[in-house]
N, C-alpha and C. Protein backbone atom coordinates (compact mmCIF):
# COMPACT_ATOMS: atom_id res chain seq x y z
N MET A 1 0.83 -1.18 0.00
CA MET A 1 0.00 0.00 0.00
C MET A 1 0.87 1.24 0.00
N ASN A 2 0.45 2.15 -0.81
CA ASN A 2 1.21 3.39 -0.82
C ASN A 2 0.69 4.34 0.27
N ARG A 3 1.32 5.46 0.35
CA ARG A 3 1.03 6.41 1.41
C ARG A 3 -0.40 6.95 1.34
N ARG A 4 -0.87 7.22 0.16
CA ARG A 4 -2.23 7.75 -0.04
C ARG A 4 -3.27 6.73 0.41
N GLN A 5 -3.09 5.47 0.08
CA GLN A 5 -4.03 4.42 0.48
C GLN A 5 -4.06 4.26 2.00
N LYS A 6 -2.89 4.36 2.64
CA LYS A 6 -2.83 4.27 4.09
C LYS A 6 -3.57 5.44 4.74
N ALA A 7 -3.43 6.62 4.18
CA ALA A 7 -4.10 7.81 4.72
C ALA A 7 -5.62 7.66 4.59
N ILE A 8 -6.09 7.16 3.44
CA ILE A 8 -7.53 6.96 3.23
C ILE A 8 -8.06 5.91 4.21
N LEU A 9 -7.34 4.81 4.35
CA LEU A 9 -7.74 3.76 5.27
C LEU A 9 -7.79 4.28 6.71
N THR A 10 -6.82 5.06 7.11
CA THR A 10 -6.79 5.63 8.45
C THR A 10 -7.99 6.55 8.68
N GLU A 11 -8.30 7.38 7.68
CA GLU A 11 -9.44 8.29 7.79
C GLU A 11 -10.76 7.51 7.90
N ILE A 12 -10.91 6.44 7.15
CA ILE A 12 -12.12 5.62 7.20
C ILE A 12 -12.26 4.99 8.60
N ILE A 13 -11.18 4.48 9.13
CA ILE A 13 -11.22 3.87 10.47
C ILE A 13 -11.57 4.90 11.52
N ILE A 14 -10.99 6.09 11.42
CA ILE A 14 -11.28 7.15 12.38
C ILE A 14 -12.75 7.55 12.30
N VAL A 15 -13.28 7.72 11.10
CA VAL A 15 -14.69 8.08 10.92
C VAL A 15 -15.60 7.00 11.50
N LEU A 16 -15.28 5.74 11.26
CA LEU A 16 -16.08 4.64 11.80
C LEU A 16 -16.05 4.63 13.33
N LEU A 17 -14.88 4.80 13.92
CA LEU A 17 -14.77 4.81 15.37
C LEU A 17 -15.54 5.98 15.99
N VAL A 18 -15.39 7.16 15.40
CA VAL A 18 -16.12 8.33 15.91
C VAL A 18 -17.63 8.11 15.80
N THR A 19 -18.08 7.52 14.70
CA THR A 19 -19.50 7.25 14.50
C THR A 19 -20.01 6.26 15.55
N ILE A 20 -19.27 5.21 15.80
CA ILE A 20 -19.67 4.20 16.79
C ILE A 20 -19.75 4.83 18.19
N VAL A 21 -18.75 5.61 18.55
CA VAL A 21 -18.75 6.27 19.85
C VAL A 21 -19.94 7.22 19.96
N ALA A 22 -20.24 7.97 18.91
CA ALA A 22 -21.37 8.90 18.93
C ALA A 22 -22.70 8.17 19.08
N VAL A 23 -22.88 7.08 18.37
CA VAL A 23 -24.13 6.31 18.47
C VAL A 23 -24.31 5.75 19.89
N VAL A 24 -23.26 5.18 20.47
CA VAL A 24 -23.34 4.65 21.83
C VAL A 24 -23.66 5.78 22.82
N ALA A 25 -23.03 6.92 22.66
CA ALA A 25 -23.29 8.05 23.55
C ALA A 25 -24.73 8.54 23.43
N ILE A 26 -25.24 8.64 22.22
CA ILE A 26 -26.61 9.10 22.01
C ILE A 26 -27.61 8.12 22.63
N LEU A 27 -27.39 6.84 22.47
CA LEU A 27 -28.28 5.84 23.05
C LEU A 27 -28.29 5.92 24.58
N ASN A 28 -27.14 6.12 25.17
CA ASN A 28 -27.08 6.24 26.63
C ASN A 28 -27.72 7.52 27.13
N VAL A 29 -27.54 8.61 26.41
CA VAL A 29 -28.18 9.87 26.79
C VAL A 29 -29.70 9.73 26.66
N ARG A 30 -30.17 9.11 25.60
CA ARG A 30 -31.60 8.88 25.41
C ARG A 30 -32.16 8.04 26.55
N HIS A 31 -31.43 7.00 26.92
CA HIS A 31 -31.88 6.15 28.01
C HIS A 31 -31.94 6.93 29.33
N TYR A 32 -30.95 7.78 29.57
CA TYR A 32 -30.93 8.60 30.78
C TYR A 32 -32.17 9.49 30.85
N PHE A 33 -32.52 10.16 29.76
CA PHE A 33 -33.67 11.06 29.77
C PHE A 33 -34.99 10.30 29.87
N ASN A 34 -35.09 9.13 29.25
CA ASN A 34 -36.30 8.31 29.39
C ASN A 34 -36.48 7.86 30.84
N ARG A 35 -35.40 7.45 31.44
CA ARG A 35 -35.44 7.00 32.83
C ARG A 35 -35.78 8.15 33.76
N ARG A 36 -35.24 9.32 33.50
CA ARG A 36 -35.52 10.50 34.32
C ARG A 36 -36.99 10.89 34.21
N ALA A 37 -37.55 10.84 33.00
CA ALA A 37 -38.97 11.16 32.81
C ALA A 37 -39.86 10.18 33.56
N ALA A 38 -39.49 8.90 33.57
CA ALA A 38 -40.26 7.90 34.30
C ALA A 38 -40.20 8.17 35.81
N LYS A 39 -39.04 8.57 36.30
CA LYS A 39 -38.92 8.87 37.73
C LYS A 39 -39.76 10.09 38.10
N ILE A 40 -39.76 11.10 37.26
CA ILE A 40 -40.57 12.30 37.52
C ILE A 40 -42.05 11.93 37.55
N ALA A 41 -42.48 11.08 36.62
CA ALA A 41 -43.88 10.64 36.60
C ALA A 41 -44.23 9.91 37.89
N MET A 42 -43.33 9.06 38.38
CA MET A 42 -43.58 8.34 39.64
C MET A 42 -43.63 9.30 40.83
N ILE A 43 -42.79 10.33 40.83
CA ILE A 43 -42.81 11.32 41.91
C ILE A 43 -44.14 12.06 41.92
N VAL A 44 -44.59 12.50 40.75
CA VAL A 44 -45.87 13.21 40.67
C VAL A 44 -47.01 12.30 41.12
N LEU A 45 -47.00 11.06 40.68
CA LEU A 45 -48.02 10.11 41.10
C LEU A 45 -47.98 9.90 42.61
N GLY A 46 -46.79 9.75 43.17
CA GLY A 46 -46.67 9.58 44.61
C GLY A 46 -47.20 10.78 45.38
N ASN A 47 -46.93 11.97 44.88
CA ASN A 47 -47.46 13.18 45.52
C ASN A 47 -48.98 13.22 45.46
N ARG A 48 -49.56 12.80 44.35
CA ARG A 48 -51.02 12.77 44.22
C ARG A 48 -51.63 11.72 45.14
N ILE A 49 -50.98 10.57 45.26
CA ILE A 49 -51.47 9.53 46.17
C ILE A 49 -51.40 10.04 47.61
N ARG A 50 -50.33 10.73 47.95
CA ARG A 50 -50.18 11.29 49.29
C ARG A 50 -51.30 12.30 49.57
N SER A 51 -51.60 13.16 48.61
CA SER A 51 -52.68 14.14 48.79
C SER A 51 -54.02 13.44 48.97
N TYR A 52 -54.27 12.42 48.18
CA TYR A 52 -55.51 11.65 48.29
C TYR A 52 -55.61 11.02 49.68
N ARG A 53 -54.53 10.42 50.13
CA ARG A 53 -54.53 9.77 51.44
C ARG A 53 -54.74 10.78 52.56
N ALA A 54 -54.15 11.96 52.45
CA ALA A 54 -54.32 12.98 53.46
C ALA A 54 -55.77 13.46 53.52
N GLU A 55 -56.42 13.51 52.38
CA GLU A 55 -57.80 13.98 52.31
C GLU A 55 -58.81 12.91 52.73
N HIS A 56 -58.58 11.65 52.33
CA HIS A 56 -59.56 10.58 52.54
C HIS A 56 -59.18 9.59 53.64
N GLY A 57 -57.93 9.57 54.07
CA GLY A 57 -57.52 8.68 55.15
C GLY A 57 -57.10 7.29 54.70
N ILE A 58 -57.23 6.98 53.45
CA ILE A 58 -56.83 5.68 52.91
C ILE A 58 -56.11 5.90 51.58
N VAL A 59 -55.40 4.88 51.12
CA VAL A 59 -54.78 4.99 49.80
C VAL A 59 -55.87 4.82 48.74
N PRO A 60 -55.69 5.44 47.59
CA PRO A 60 -56.74 5.38 46.56
C PRO A 60 -56.86 4.00 45.91
N SER A 61 -57.95 3.84 45.18
CA SER A 61 -58.18 2.59 44.45
C SER A 61 -57.30 2.53 43.20
N GLU A 62 -57.21 1.36 42.64
CA GLU A 62 -56.42 1.18 41.42
C GLU A 62 -57.01 1.97 40.26
N SER A 63 -58.33 2.05 40.18
CA SER A 63 -58.96 2.81 39.09
C SER A 63 -58.64 4.30 39.20
N TRP A 64 -58.57 4.83 40.43
CA TRP A 64 -58.20 6.23 40.61
C TRP A 64 -56.77 6.45 40.13
N VAL A 65 -55.87 5.54 40.49
CA VAL A 65 -54.47 5.65 40.09
C VAL A 65 -54.35 5.59 38.57
N GLU A 66 -55.09 4.68 37.93
CA GLU A 66 -55.06 4.58 36.46
C GLU A 66 -55.56 5.87 35.82
N GLY A 67 -56.58 6.49 36.41
CA GLY A 67 -57.06 7.78 35.90
C GLY A 67 -56.01 8.87 36.03
N GLN A 68 -55.29 8.87 37.15
CA GLN A 68 -54.22 9.85 37.35
C GLN A 68 -53.06 9.61 36.40
N ARG A 69 -52.81 8.37 36.09
CA ARG A 69 -51.69 8.01 35.21
C ARG A 69 -51.79 8.69 33.86
N GLU A 70 -53.01 8.87 33.39
CA GLU A 70 -53.21 9.48 32.07
C GLU A 70 -52.81 10.94 32.03
N THR A 71 -52.73 11.60 33.18
CA THR A 71 -52.39 13.03 33.21
C THR A 71 -50.98 13.29 33.72
N LEU A 72 -50.20 12.25 33.92
CA LEU A 72 -48.84 12.43 34.45
C LEU A 72 -47.89 12.96 33.39
N PRO A 73 -46.96 13.83 33.78
CA PRO A 73 -45.90 14.21 32.85
C PRO A 73 -44.98 13.02 32.64
N GLY A 74 -44.64 12.74 31.42
CA GLY A 74 -43.76 11.60 31.14
C GLY A 74 -44.47 10.26 31.22
N LYS A 75 -45.79 10.25 31.11
CA LYS A 75 -46.55 9.00 31.26
C LYS A 75 -46.14 7.95 30.23
N ASN A 76 -45.72 8.38 29.05
CA ASN A 76 -45.30 7.44 28.02
C ASN A 76 -43.99 6.76 28.35
N ARG A 77 -43.19 7.38 29.19
CA ARG A 77 -41.91 6.80 29.59
C ARG A 77 -42.05 5.91 30.82
N LEU A 78 -43.21 5.97 31.47
CA LEU A 78 -43.41 5.25 32.71
C LEU A 78 -43.48 3.75 32.51
N GLY A 79 -44.06 3.30 31.42
CA GLY A 79 -44.22 1.87 31.21
C GLY A 79 -45.41 1.34 31.99
N LYS A 80 -45.48 0.04 32.16
CA LYS A 80 -46.59 -0.57 32.89
C LYS A 80 -46.42 -0.28 34.37
N LEU A 81 -47.47 0.28 34.95
CA LEU A 81 -47.46 0.63 36.36
C LEU A 81 -48.21 -0.44 37.15
N TYR A 82 -47.59 -0.93 38.19
CA TYR A 82 -48.21 -1.91 39.08
C TYR A 82 -48.53 -1.20 40.39
N TYR A 83 -49.79 -1.23 40.78
CA TYR A 83 -50.24 -0.56 42.00
C TYR A 83 -50.78 -1.62 42.96
N ARG A 84 -50.32 -1.59 44.19
CA ARG A 84 -50.67 -2.62 45.17
C ARG A 84 -51.58 -2.10 46.28
N GLY A 85 -52.33 -1.04 46.01
CA GLY A 85 -53.19 -0.44 47.03
C GLY A 85 -54.23 -1.39 47.58
N MET A 86 -54.66 -2.32 46.76
CA MET A 86 -55.67 -3.29 47.18
C MET A 86 -55.18 -4.15 48.34
N TRP A 87 -53.88 -4.31 48.46
CA TRP A 87 -53.29 -5.19 49.47
C TRP A 87 -52.80 -4.42 50.70
N ILE A 88 -53.08 -3.12 50.74
CA ILE A 88 -52.64 -2.28 51.85
C ILE A 88 -53.79 -2.16 52.85
N ASP A 89 -53.50 -2.43 54.13
CA ASP A 89 -54.50 -2.21 55.17
C ASP A 89 -53.84 -1.47 56.33
N PHE A 90 -54.55 -1.35 57.44
CA PHE A 90 -54.03 -0.56 58.56
C PHE A 90 -52.84 -1.22 59.27
N GLU A 91 -52.65 -2.51 59.08
CA GLU A 91 -51.56 -3.22 59.72
C GLU A 91 -50.33 -3.37 58.82
N THR A 92 -50.40 -2.83 57.64
CA THR A 92 -49.30 -2.96 56.68
C THR A 92 -48.08 -2.17 57.15
N GLU A 93 -46.92 -2.77 56.98
CA GLU A 93 -45.66 -2.13 57.35
C GLU A 93 -45.38 -0.94 56.43
N PRO A 94 -44.75 0.12 56.95
CA PRO A 94 -44.45 1.30 56.12
C PRO A 94 -43.50 1.02 54.95
N ASN A 95 -42.67 -0.02 55.06
CA ASN A 95 -41.73 -0.33 53.98
C ASN A 95 -42.37 -1.11 52.83
N GLU A 96 -43.65 -1.38 52.94
CA GLU A 96 -44.37 -2.13 51.90
C GLU A 96 -44.33 -1.37 50.57
N ILE A 97 -44.13 -2.09 49.49
CA ILE A 97 -44.13 -1.49 48.16
C ILE A 97 -45.56 -1.17 47.77
N LEU A 98 -45.82 0.09 47.46
CA LEU A 98 -47.17 0.53 47.09
C LEU A 98 -47.35 0.53 45.57
N ALA A 99 -46.36 1.02 44.85
CA ALA A 99 -46.44 1.07 43.39
C ALA A 99 -45.03 0.89 42.82
N TYR A 100 -44.98 0.32 41.62
CA TYR A 100 -43.69 0.13 40.98
C TYR A 100 -43.86 0.04 39.48
N THR A 101 -42.79 0.34 38.80
CA THR A 101 -42.75 0.18 37.35
C THR A 101 -41.38 -0.34 36.96
N GLU A 102 -41.37 -1.20 35.98
CA GLU A 102 -40.12 -1.82 35.53
C GLU A 102 -39.50 -0.99 34.43
N LYS A 103 -38.20 -0.81 34.51
CA LYS A 103 -37.45 -0.12 33.45
C LYS A 103 -36.37 -1.07 32.95
N LYS A 104 -36.62 -1.62 31.79
CA LYS A 104 -35.63 -2.51 31.18
C LYS A 104 -34.55 -1.66 30.54
N SER A 105 -33.35 -2.16 30.57
CA SER A 105 -32.24 -1.37 30.05
C SER A 105 -31.37 -2.20 29.11
N ARG A 106 -31.08 -1.61 27.97
CA ARG A 106 -30.11 -2.20 27.05
C ARG A 106 -28.83 -1.36 27.03
N SER A 107 -28.77 -0.46 27.96
CA SER A 107 -27.64 0.47 28.03
C SER A 107 -26.48 -0.18 28.80
N ILE A 108 -25.27 0.20 28.41
CA ILE A 108 -24.11 -0.31 29.13
C ILE A 108 -23.87 0.47 30.43
N MET A 109 -24.50 1.63 30.54
CA MET A 109 -24.31 2.47 31.73
C MET A 109 -25.39 2.27 32.79
N PHE A 110 -26.56 1.76 32.40
CA PHE A 110 -27.68 1.62 33.32
C PHE A 110 -28.11 0.16 33.40
N CYS A 111 -28.47 -0.27 34.59
CA CYS A 111 -28.88 -1.65 34.77
C CYS A 111 -30.41 -1.76 34.74
N HIS A 112 -30.88 -2.96 34.57
CA HIS A 112 -32.29 -3.29 34.55
C HIS A 112 -32.82 -3.21 35.99
N GLY A 113 -33.96 -2.56 36.19
CA GLY A 113 -34.48 -2.47 37.56
C GLY A 113 -35.88 -1.88 37.61
N PHE A 114 -36.25 -1.40 38.79
CA PHE A 114 -37.59 -0.92 39.06
C PHE A 114 -37.55 0.41 39.80
N PHE A 115 -38.49 1.30 39.44
CA PHE A 115 -38.75 2.48 40.26
C PHE A 115 -39.84 2.07 41.24
N VAL A 116 -39.61 2.33 42.53
CA VAL A 116 -40.49 1.84 43.58
C VAL A 116 -40.96 3.00 44.46
N LEU A 117 -42.27 3.02 44.71
CA LEU A 117 -42.87 3.95 45.67
C LEU A 117 -43.30 3.11 46.88
N ARG A 118 -42.74 3.42 48.03
CA ARG A 118 -43.08 2.67 49.25
C ARG A 118 -44.21 3.40 50.00
N LEU A 119 -44.94 2.64 50.78
CA LEU A 119 -46.07 3.17 51.54
C LEU A 119 -45.64 4.29 52.48
N LYS A 120 -44.47 4.17 53.09
CA LYS A 120 -44.01 5.19 54.06
C LYS A 120 -43.94 6.58 53.43
N GLU A 121 -43.74 6.64 52.12
CA GLU A 121 -43.64 7.94 51.44
C GLU A 121 -44.98 8.66 51.37
N VAL A 122 -46.07 7.93 51.29
CA VAL A 122 -47.38 8.59 51.24
C VAL A 122 -47.97 8.79 52.63
N LEU A 123 -47.32 8.25 53.66
CA LEU A 123 -47.77 8.46 55.03
C LEU A 123 -47.27 9.79 55.59
N ILE A 124 -46.24 10.35 54.97
CA ILE A 124 -45.67 11.62 55.43
C ILE A 124 -46.70 12.73 55.23
N GLN A 125 -46.88 13.56 56.25
CA GLN A 125 -47.91 14.61 56.20
C GLN A 125 -47.43 15.89 55.51
N ASP A 126 -46.13 16.09 55.40
CA ASP A 126 -45.59 17.32 54.83
C ASP A 126 -45.76 17.32 53.31
N MET A 127 -46.71 18.10 52.82
CA MET A 127 -47.02 18.14 51.39
C MET A 127 -45.99 18.94 50.59
N ASP A 128 -45.13 19.68 51.28
CA ASP A 128 -44.13 20.49 50.58
C ASP A 128 -42.92 19.67 50.13
N VAL A 129 -42.81 18.45 50.64
CA VAL A 129 -41.68 17.59 50.31
C VAL A 129 -42.14 16.54 49.31
N ASN A 130 -41.41 16.39 48.21
CA ASN A 130 -41.75 15.36 47.23
C ASN A 130 -41.50 13.97 47.81
N VAL A 131 -42.27 13.01 47.32
CA VAL A 131 -42.03 11.63 47.73
C VAL A 131 -40.68 11.17 47.19
N ASN A 132 -40.13 10.18 47.85
CA ASN A 132 -38.85 9.62 47.42
C ASN A 132 -39.12 8.34 46.63
N ILE A 133 -38.64 8.30 45.42
CA ILE A 133 -38.78 7.12 44.57
C ILE A 133 -37.45 6.39 44.58
N GLU A 134 -37.49 5.11 44.89
CA GLU A 134 -36.27 4.31 44.95
C GLU A 134 -36.01 3.61 43.62
N TRP A 135 -34.75 3.43 43.31
CA TRP A 135 -34.34 2.59 42.18
C TRP A 135 -33.79 1.31 42.78
N ILE A 136 -34.41 0.18 42.43
CA ILE A 136 -33.96 -1.11 42.96
C ILE A 136 -33.66 -2.03 41.78
N GLN A 137 -32.50 -2.65 41.81
CA GLN A 137 -32.14 -3.57 40.74
C GLN A 137 -33.05 -4.80 40.77
N LYS A 138 -33.14 -5.45 39.63
CA LYS A 138 -34.13 -6.50 39.41
C LYS A 138 -34.09 -7.62 40.45
N ARG A 139 -32.96 -8.20 40.71
CA ARG A 139 -32.88 -9.33 41.65
C ARG A 139 -33.32 -8.94 43.05
N GLU A 140 -32.81 -7.81 43.53
CA GLU A 140 -33.17 -7.34 44.86
C GLU A 140 -34.67 -7.04 44.94
N PHE A 141 -35.21 -6.42 43.91
CA PHE A 141 -36.63 -6.09 43.87
C PHE A 141 -37.48 -7.36 43.94
N GLU A 142 -37.14 -8.35 43.14
CA GLU A 142 -37.91 -9.59 43.12
C GLU A 142 -37.90 -10.27 44.48
N THR A 143 -36.77 -10.21 45.17
CA THR A 143 -36.69 -10.78 46.52
C THR A 143 -37.61 -10.03 47.48
N ILE A 144 -37.54 -8.71 47.47
CA ILE A 144 -38.37 -7.90 48.36
C ILE A 144 -39.85 -8.12 48.07
N LEU A 145 -40.22 -8.07 46.81
CA LEU A 145 -41.63 -8.21 46.45
C LEU A 145 -42.16 -9.60 46.81
N SER A 146 -41.37 -10.63 46.60
CA SER A 146 -41.84 -11.98 46.93
C SER A 146 -42.09 -12.14 48.43
N GLN A 147 -41.36 -11.41 49.25
CA GLN A 147 -41.57 -11.45 50.70
C GLN A 147 -42.83 -10.71 51.10
N GLN A 148 -43.25 -9.73 50.30
CA GLN A 148 -44.40 -8.90 50.65
C GLN A 148 -45.71 -9.40 50.05
N GLN A 149 -45.64 -10.14 48.97
CA GLN A 149 -46.85 -10.57 48.29
C GLN A 149 -47.48 -11.80 48.96
N SER A 150 -48.81 -11.79 49.00
CA SER A 150 -49.54 -12.98 49.46
C SER A 150 -49.74 -13.89 48.25
N GLN A 151 -50.10 -15.12 48.51
CA GLN A 151 -50.34 -16.07 47.42
C GLN A 151 -51.50 -15.60 46.55
N MET A 152 -52.52 -15.02 47.15
CA MET A 152 -53.67 -14.53 46.39
C MET A 152 -53.26 -13.41 45.44
N GLU A 153 -52.41 -12.51 45.90
CA GLU A 153 -51.93 -11.43 45.05
C GLU A 153 -51.15 -11.96 43.86
N ILE A 154 -50.30 -12.94 44.12
CA ILE A 154 -49.51 -13.54 43.03
C ILE A 154 -50.42 -14.18 41.99
N GLU A 155 -51.45 -14.91 42.46
CA GLU A 155 -52.39 -15.55 41.54
C GLU A 155 -53.16 -14.52 40.72
N MET A 156 -53.60 -13.42 41.36
CA MET A 156 -54.36 -12.39 40.65
C MET A 156 -53.48 -11.66 39.63
N GLN A 157 -52.23 -11.50 39.94
CA GLN A 157 -51.31 -10.79 39.05
C GLN A 157 -51.08 -11.57 37.77
N HIS A 158 -51.12 -12.88 37.83
CA HIS A 158 -50.85 -13.71 36.66
C HIS A 158 -52.10 -13.99 35.82
N GLU A 159 -53.23 -13.47 36.25
CA GLU A 159 -54.46 -13.68 35.46
C GLU A 159 -54.56 -12.68 34.34
């Protein structure tokens, strides 16, 4: 190969590498913003559930939550929302998972997991403070949820 061919080959390799790096970066940035929008939607939903509970004394029904879901900012990024209000009673522990949504990840920077709203967050009376949404990785989440779910809940979820 002469000098000109080597220069062309080097330029092609550089362009390919820069393109690959740019595509990977764009995909990760896109994933970050999608995940952030989902978290914001969960925070807004948690604040609305807290307001409902403060006004009515109980957590809202699943149909109420589904109605609220339609007006959430970032609702399209939220994915399937699982609400466990039906299984919450006066003896339920504050660490019980009230609502969650799964966020699958194909990103090299972000892992697969769940955004989780715990009951203790809607029990707080201070309306000026946003609820805290936790990020829990898939394995840990499945362990926690399996400890909290009754057999009847598991059966109803699979129907």
